[in-house]
N, C-alpha and C. Protein backbone atom coordinates (compact mmCIF):
# COMPACT_ATOMS: atom_id res chain seq x y z
N MET A 1 0.85 -1.17 0.00
CA MET A 1 0.00 0.00 0.00
C MET A 1 0.89 1.24 0.00
N ALA A 2 0.64 2.11 -0.93
CA ALA A 2 1.43 3.34 -1.05
C ALA A 2 0.94 4.37 -0.04
N THR A 3 1.85 5.08 0.51
CA THR A 3 1.47 6.15 1.44
C THR A 3 1.60 7.48 0.71
N ARG A 4 0.65 8.32 0.99
CA ARG A 4 0.68 9.65 0.37
C ARG A 4 1.39 10.62 1.30
N ALA A 5 2.17 11.46 0.70
CA ALA A 5 2.82 12.50 1.49
C ALA A 5 1.79 13.55 1.86
N ARG A 6 1.82 13.95 3.11
CA ARG A 6 0.90 14.99 3.56
C ARG A 6 1.43 16.35 3.18
N LYS A 7 0.50 17.21 2.80
CA LYS A 7 0.86 18.59 2.54
C LYS A 7 1.10 19.26 3.88
N PRO A 8 2.09 20.12 3.96
CA PRO A 8 2.29 20.83 5.23
C PRO A 8 1.08 21.72 5.52
N ALA A 9 0.69 21.73 6.77
CA ALA A 9 -0.46 22.56 7.18
C ALA A 9 -0.11 24.03 6.99
N ALA A 10 -1.08 24.78 6.52
CA ALA A 10 -0.87 26.22 6.36
C ALA A 10 -0.74 26.83 7.75
N LYS A 11 0.30 27.58 7.94
CA LYS A 11 0.51 28.20 9.25
C LYS A 11 -0.15 29.55 9.31
N ARG A 12 -0.80 29.81 10.40
CA ARG A 12 -1.36 31.14 10.66
C ARG A 12 -0.34 31.86 11.52
N THR A 13 -0.04 33.06 11.17
CA THR A 13 0.91 33.81 11.96
C THR A 13 0.16 34.65 12.99
N THR A 14 0.86 35.03 14.03
CA THR A 14 0.24 35.90 15.02
C THR A 14 -0.10 37.25 14.40
N LYS A 15 0.57 37.59 13.30
CA LYS A 15 0.24 38.85 12.63
C LYS A 15 -1.17 38.79 12.06
N ASP A 16 -1.57 37.65 11.49
CA ASP A 16 -2.94 37.48 11.01
C ASP A 16 -3.91 37.67 12.17
N PHE A 17 -3.64 37.00 13.25
CA PHE A 17 -4.52 37.06 14.41
C PHE A 17 -4.48 38.45 15.03
N GLY A 18 -3.32 39.08 15.02
CA GLY A 18 -3.21 40.43 15.57
C GLY A 18 -4.05 41.42 14.80
N ALA A 19 -4.00 41.35 13.48
CA ALA A 19 -4.80 42.25 12.64
C ALA A 19 -6.29 41.93 12.80
N THR A 20 -6.60 40.67 12.93
CA THR A 20 -7.99 40.26 13.12
C THR A 20 -8.51 40.79 14.44
N LEU A 21 -7.74 40.60 15.51
CA LEU A 21 -8.14 41.09 16.82
C LEU A 21 -8.29 42.61 16.80
N ALA A 22 -7.35 43.29 16.16
CA ALA A 22 -7.43 44.76 16.07
C ALA A 22 -8.71 45.19 15.35
N GLY A 23 -9.07 44.50 14.29
CA GLY A 23 -10.30 44.83 13.56
C GLY A 23 -11.54 44.61 14.41
N LEU A 24 -11.57 43.53 15.16
CA LEU A 24 -12.72 43.25 16.01
C LEU A 24 -12.79 44.22 17.19
N GLU A 25 -11.64 44.56 17.76
CA GLU A 25 -11.62 45.53 18.85
C GLU A 25 -12.04 46.92 18.35
N LYS A 26 -11.76 47.23 17.10
CA LYS A 26 -12.19 48.51 16.52
C LYS A 26 -13.72 48.58 16.48
N ILE A 27 -14.36 47.44 16.20
CA ILE A 27 -15.83 47.39 16.21
C ILE A 27 -16.35 47.69 17.62
N LEU A 28 -15.64 47.20 18.63
CA LEU A 28 -16.09 47.36 20.02
C LEU A 28 -15.71 48.71 20.63
N SER A 29 -14.75 49.40 20.04
CA SER A 29 -14.21 50.61 20.67
C SER A 29 -15.26 51.69 21.00
N PRO A 30 -16.27 51.95 20.17
CA PRO A 30 -17.24 52.98 20.55
C PRO A 30 -18.02 52.65 21.83
N TYR A 31 -18.14 51.37 22.13
CA TYR A 31 -18.93 50.95 23.30
C TYR A 31 -18.09 50.91 24.57
N GLY A 32 -16.77 50.95 24.41
CA GLY A 32 -15.88 50.95 25.57
C GLY A 32 -16.02 52.20 26.41
N LYS A 33 -16.53 53.27 25.82
CA LYS A 33 -16.73 54.52 26.57
C LYS A 33 -17.97 54.43 27.45
N LYS A 34 -18.90 53.53 27.11
CA LYS A 34 -20.17 53.44 27.83
C LYS A 34 -20.24 52.24 28.76
N LEU A 35 -19.43 51.22 28.50
CA LEU A 35 -19.50 49.97 29.24
C LEU A 35 -18.24 49.75 30.07
N THR A 36 -18.30 48.78 30.95
CA THR A 36 -17.13 48.41 31.73
C THR A 36 -16.23 47.54 30.86
N VAL A 37 -14.96 47.93 30.75
CA VAL A 37 -14.00 47.21 29.93
C VAL A 37 -13.14 46.33 30.82
N SER A 38 -12.99 45.08 30.43
CA SER A 38 -12.17 44.13 31.16
C SER A 38 -11.22 43.46 30.18
N ARG A 39 -9.99 43.27 30.58
CA ARG A 39 -9.01 42.53 29.76
C ARG A 39 -8.41 41.44 30.61
N SER A 40 -8.30 40.26 30.00
CA SER A 40 -7.64 39.15 30.70
C SER A 40 -6.87 38.33 29.68
N ALA A 41 -5.88 37.60 30.16
CA ALA A 41 -5.08 36.77 29.27
C ALA A 41 -5.91 35.65 28.67
N SER A 42 -6.85 35.13 29.42
CA SER A 42 -7.63 33.99 28.94
C SER A 42 -8.82 34.40 28.09
N TYR A 43 -9.37 35.59 28.30
CA TYR A 43 -10.59 35.95 27.58
C TYR A 43 -10.46 37.19 26.73
N GLY A 44 -9.33 37.84 26.73
CA GLY A 44 -9.14 39.01 25.88
C GLY A 44 -9.93 40.21 26.35
N LEU A 45 -10.45 40.97 25.42
CA LEU A 45 -11.23 42.18 25.71
C LEU A 45 -12.69 41.80 25.94
N THR A 46 -13.25 42.24 27.04
CA THR A 46 -14.66 41.97 27.35
C THR A 46 -15.33 43.28 27.73
N LEU A 47 -16.53 43.50 27.21
CA LEU A 47 -17.33 44.66 27.56
C LEU A 47 -18.54 44.18 28.36
N LEU A 48 -18.70 44.77 29.53
CA LEU A 48 -19.79 44.39 30.43
C LEU A 48 -20.79 45.51 30.58
N GLY A 49 -22.06 45.14 30.63
CA GLY A 49 -23.13 46.11 30.79
C GLY A 49 -23.43 46.39 32.25
N ASN A 50 -24.64 46.84 32.50
CA ASN A 50 -25.07 47.21 33.84
C ASN A 50 -25.13 45.99 34.76
N PRO A 51 -24.75 46.17 36.03
CA PRO A 51 -24.92 45.07 36.98
C PRO A 51 -26.41 44.77 37.18
N THR A 52 -26.73 43.50 37.35
CA THR A 52 -28.10 43.07 37.64
C THR A 52 -28.04 42.09 38.80
N LYS A 53 -29.20 41.68 39.27
CA LYS A 53 -29.25 40.67 40.34
C LYS A 53 -28.56 39.39 39.89
N THR A 54 -28.85 38.98 38.69
CA THR A 54 -28.28 37.74 38.16
C THR A 54 -26.81 37.90 37.80
N TYR A 55 -26.43 39.08 37.32
CA TYR A 55 -25.05 39.36 36.90
C TYR A 55 -24.53 40.58 37.65
N PRO A 56 -24.13 40.41 38.91
CA PRO A 56 -23.69 41.56 39.71
C PRO A 56 -22.44 42.25 39.15
N GLY A 57 -21.64 41.54 38.39
CA GLY A 57 -20.47 42.15 37.76
C GLY A 57 -20.80 42.81 36.44
N GLY A 58 -22.02 42.66 35.99
CA GLY A 58 -22.46 43.20 34.71
C GLY A 58 -22.64 42.09 33.68
N LEU A 59 -23.69 42.19 32.91
CA LEU A 59 -23.97 41.22 31.86
C LEU A 59 -22.98 41.43 30.72
N MET A 60 -22.39 40.33 30.22
CA MET A 60 -21.45 40.47 29.11
C MET A 60 -22.18 40.94 27.86
N PHE A 61 -21.70 42.02 27.27
CA PHE A 61 -22.24 42.52 26.02
C PHE A 61 -21.50 41.88 24.85
N ALA A 62 -20.16 41.99 24.87
CA ALA A 62 -19.36 41.45 23.77
C ALA A 62 -17.94 41.20 24.24
N ALA A 63 -17.22 40.39 23.47
CA ALA A 63 -15.82 40.10 23.79
C ALA A 63 -15.08 39.71 22.52
N ALA A 64 -13.79 39.94 22.52
CA ALA A 64 -12.91 39.52 21.42
C ALA A 64 -11.66 38.91 22.04
N ALA A 65 -11.27 37.73 21.56
CA ALA A 65 -10.12 37.05 22.15
C ALA A 65 -9.41 36.18 21.12
N VAL A 66 -8.09 36.10 21.25
CA VAL A 66 -7.30 35.22 20.42
C VAL A 66 -7.31 33.84 21.07
N LYS A 67 -7.67 32.85 20.28
CA LYS A 67 -7.65 31.45 20.71
C LYS A 67 -6.56 30.73 19.94
N LYS A 68 -6.46 29.43 20.09
CA LYS A 68 -5.39 28.68 19.45
C LYS A 68 -5.44 28.75 17.92
N ASN A 69 -6.62 28.56 17.34
CA ASN A 69 -6.74 28.47 15.88
C ASN A 69 -7.54 29.58 15.23
N TYR A 70 -8.01 30.53 16.01
CA TYR A 70 -8.85 31.59 15.46
C TYR A 70 -8.96 32.72 16.47
N VAL A 71 -9.59 33.81 16.03
CA VAL A 71 -9.93 34.91 16.93
C VAL A 71 -11.44 34.88 17.05
N SER A 72 -11.92 34.88 18.28
CA SER A 72 -13.37 34.79 18.50
C SER A 72 -13.95 36.16 18.83
N TYR A 73 -15.19 36.32 18.42
CA TYR A 73 -15.96 37.54 18.70
C TYR A 73 -17.30 37.09 19.27
N HIS A 74 -17.49 37.34 20.54
CA HIS A 74 -18.73 36.97 21.21
C HIS A 74 -19.64 38.20 21.27
N LEU A 75 -20.87 38.02 20.88
CA LEU A 75 -21.84 39.12 20.88
C LEU A 75 -23.15 38.59 21.47
N MET A 76 -23.36 38.85 22.76
CA MET A 76 -24.52 38.29 23.43
C MET A 76 -25.86 38.76 22.86
N PRO A 77 -26.03 40.00 22.41
CA PRO A 77 -27.32 40.40 21.86
C PRO A 77 -27.68 39.70 20.55
N VAL A 78 -26.76 38.94 19.98
CA VAL A 78 -27.04 38.28 18.71
C VAL A 78 -28.22 37.32 18.83
N TYR A 79 -28.52 36.88 20.04
CA TYR A 79 -29.69 36.02 20.24
C TYR A 79 -30.96 36.71 19.74
N MET A 80 -31.01 38.03 19.86
CA MET A 80 -32.18 38.80 19.42
C MET A 80 -32.17 39.05 17.91
N LEU A 81 -31.04 38.82 17.27
CA LEU A 81 -30.86 39.22 15.88
C LEU A 81 -30.64 38.04 14.93
N GLN A 82 -30.93 36.84 15.35
CA GLN A 82 -30.62 35.64 14.58
C GLN A 82 -31.15 35.69 13.15
N GLY A 83 -32.32 36.22 12.92
CA GLY A 83 -32.91 36.23 11.59
C GLY A 83 -32.28 37.21 10.63
N SER A 84 -31.40 38.08 11.13
CA SER A 84 -30.84 39.13 10.27
C SER A 84 -29.35 38.94 9.98
N ILE A 85 -28.86 37.71 10.10
CA ILE A 85 -27.45 37.43 9.86
C ILE A 85 -27.30 36.80 8.48
N SER A 86 -26.38 37.33 7.68
CA SER A 86 -26.17 36.81 6.34
C SER A 86 -25.63 35.38 6.41
N PRO A 87 -25.83 34.60 5.35
CA PRO A 87 -25.28 33.24 5.32
C PRO A 87 -23.75 33.23 5.46
N ALA A 88 -23.07 34.22 4.88
CA ALA A 88 -21.60 34.27 4.97
C ALA A 88 -21.14 34.47 6.41
N LEU A 89 -21.81 35.36 7.14
CA LEU A 89 -21.44 35.57 8.54
C LEU A 89 -21.90 34.40 9.40
N LYS A 90 -23.05 33.86 9.09
CA LYS A 90 -23.56 32.70 9.83
C LYS A 90 -22.60 31.52 9.73
N ALA A 91 -21.91 31.40 8.59
CA ALA A 91 -20.93 30.33 8.41
C ALA A 91 -19.75 30.47 9.38
N ARG A 92 -19.53 31.67 9.91
CA ARG A 92 -18.46 31.91 10.88
C ARG A 92 -18.89 31.62 12.32
N MET A 93 -20.16 31.32 12.50
CA MET A 93 -20.68 31.13 13.86
C MET A 93 -20.29 29.77 14.42
N GLN A 94 -19.96 29.81 15.69
CA GLN A 94 -19.75 28.60 16.46
C GLN A 94 -20.66 28.77 17.66
N GLY A 95 -21.66 27.95 17.76
CA GLY A 95 -22.67 28.17 18.79
C GLY A 95 -23.62 29.25 18.35
N LYS A 96 -24.26 29.91 19.29
CA LYS A 96 -25.27 30.90 18.94
C LYS A 96 -24.80 32.34 19.06
N ALA A 97 -23.70 32.60 19.75
CA ALA A 97 -23.28 33.98 19.97
C ALA A 97 -21.80 34.21 19.72
N CYS A 98 -21.14 33.31 19.01
CA CYS A 98 -19.70 33.42 18.79
C CYS A 98 -19.39 33.29 17.31
N PHE A 99 -18.54 34.20 16.83
CA PHE A 99 -18.07 34.19 15.45
C PHE A 99 -16.56 33.99 15.48
N ASN A 100 -16.05 33.14 14.60
CA ASN A 100 -14.61 32.86 14.56
C ASN A 100 -14.01 33.34 13.25
N PHE A 101 -12.82 33.96 13.35
CA PHE A 101 -12.10 34.48 12.19
C PHE A 101 -10.64 34.10 12.31
N THR A 102 -10.01 33.85 11.15
CA THR A 102 -8.57 33.60 11.14
C THR A 102 -7.82 34.75 10.47
N ALA A 103 -8.56 35.64 9.82
CA ALA A 103 -7.98 36.81 9.16
C ALA A 103 -9.05 37.89 9.08
N PRO A 104 -8.66 39.14 8.98
CA PRO A 104 -9.65 40.21 8.85
C PRO A 104 -10.49 40.02 7.57
N ASP A 105 -11.74 40.39 7.65
CA ASP A 105 -12.65 40.32 6.51
C ASP A 105 -13.50 41.59 6.53
N ALA A 106 -13.16 42.54 5.68
CA ALA A 106 -13.81 43.86 5.71
C ALA A 106 -15.32 43.78 5.55
N VAL A 107 -15.81 42.94 4.66
CA VAL A 107 -17.25 42.84 4.43
C VAL A 107 -17.96 42.27 5.65
N LEU A 108 -17.43 41.18 6.19
CA LEU A 108 -18.06 40.57 7.36
C LEU A 108 -17.90 41.44 8.61
N PHE A 109 -16.77 42.13 8.72
CA PHE A 109 -16.58 43.02 9.87
C PHE A 109 -17.57 44.18 9.82
N LYS A 110 -17.88 44.66 8.61
CA LYS A 110 -18.87 45.74 8.47
C LYS A 110 -20.25 45.24 8.93
N GLU A 111 -20.61 44.03 8.52
CA GLU A 111 -21.88 43.46 8.95
C GLU A 111 -21.88 43.23 10.45
N LEU A 112 -20.76 42.76 10.98
CA LEU A 112 -20.66 42.52 12.42
C LEU A 112 -20.76 43.83 13.20
N ALA A 113 -20.21 44.90 12.66
CA ALA A 113 -20.32 46.22 13.31
C ALA A 113 -21.78 46.66 13.35
N ASP A 114 -22.52 46.41 12.27
CA ASP A 114 -23.94 46.76 12.24
C ASP A 114 -24.73 45.90 13.24
N LEU A 115 -24.43 44.62 13.30
CA LEU A 115 -25.09 43.74 14.28
C LEU A 115 -24.80 44.20 15.71
N THR A 116 -23.55 44.59 15.94
CA THR A 116 -23.15 45.06 17.26
C THR A 116 -23.92 46.32 17.64
N ARG A 117 -24.04 47.24 16.69
CA ARG A 117 -24.80 48.48 16.93
C ARG A 117 -26.25 48.17 17.26
N ARG A 118 -26.87 47.33 16.43
CA ARG A 118 -28.27 46.98 16.67
C ARG A 118 -28.45 46.19 17.97
N GLY A 119 -27.48 45.36 18.29
CA GLY A 119 -27.52 44.62 19.55
C GLY A 119 -27.41 45.54 20.74
N TYR A 120 -26.54 46.55 20.62
CA TYR A 120 -26.40 47.53 21.70
C TYR A 120 -27.72 48.27 21.91
N GLU A 121 -28.33 48.69 20.81
CA GLU A 121 -29.61 49.40 20.92
C GLU A 121 -30.67 48.52 21.59
N GLY A 122 -30.72 47.24 21.22
CA GLY A 122 -31.67 46.32 21.84
C GLY A 122 -31.40 46.13 23.32
N PHE A 123 -30.13 45.95 23.68
CA PHE A 123 -29.77 45.79 25.09
C PHE A 123 -30.07 47.07 25.88
N ARG A 124 -29.87 48.22 25.23
CA ARG A 124 -30.14 49.51 25.92
C ARG A 124 -31.63 49.62 26.22
N LYS A 125 -32.47 49.25 25.26
CA LYS A 125 -33.92 49.31 25.47
C LYS A 125 -34.36 48.38 26.61
N MET A 126 -33.61 47.28 26.79
CA MET A 126 -33.94 46.31 27.83
C MET A 126 -33.31 46.69 29.18
N GLY A 127 -32.47 47.73 29.19
CA GLY A 127 -31.83 48.18 30.42
C GLY A 127 -30.56 47.45 30.80
N TYR A 128 -30.03 46.62 29.91
CA TYR A 128 -28.80 45.88 30.21
C TYR A 128 -27.55 46.72 30.06
N VAL A 129 -27.63 47.77 29.25
CA VAL A 129 -26.48 48.65 29.03
C VAL A 129 -26.97 50.10 29.13
N PRO A 130 -26.07 51.02 29.47
CA PRO A 130 -26.48 52.43 29.59
C PRO A 130 -26.80 53.07 28.24
């Protein structure tokens, strides 16, 4: 039986992830002035809304973090916006509120910025964010 030589796996550089993280953090930057900003080594940038009984530290609004194989963008209000996500962005979803990227994507980042804005407005109407 002949063995096939494996192609070397394409390597992602931290520069790809760095630019991706920077693009996602740029989407979140306008909300950092209104929300509590948290940074950690394990979870990256996190934006928290108003404290509640259930979430005394504040309900998570959004987060961006570098993981092993991708950069994740968590957007909790996306639960309210499921019907308005394009198939291309939906293909990036892992679970119901997380999008994964390995490189910046201007078109999808623009859509994600719009979703983030609409999600913020929805959370504001519900009193979760100022």
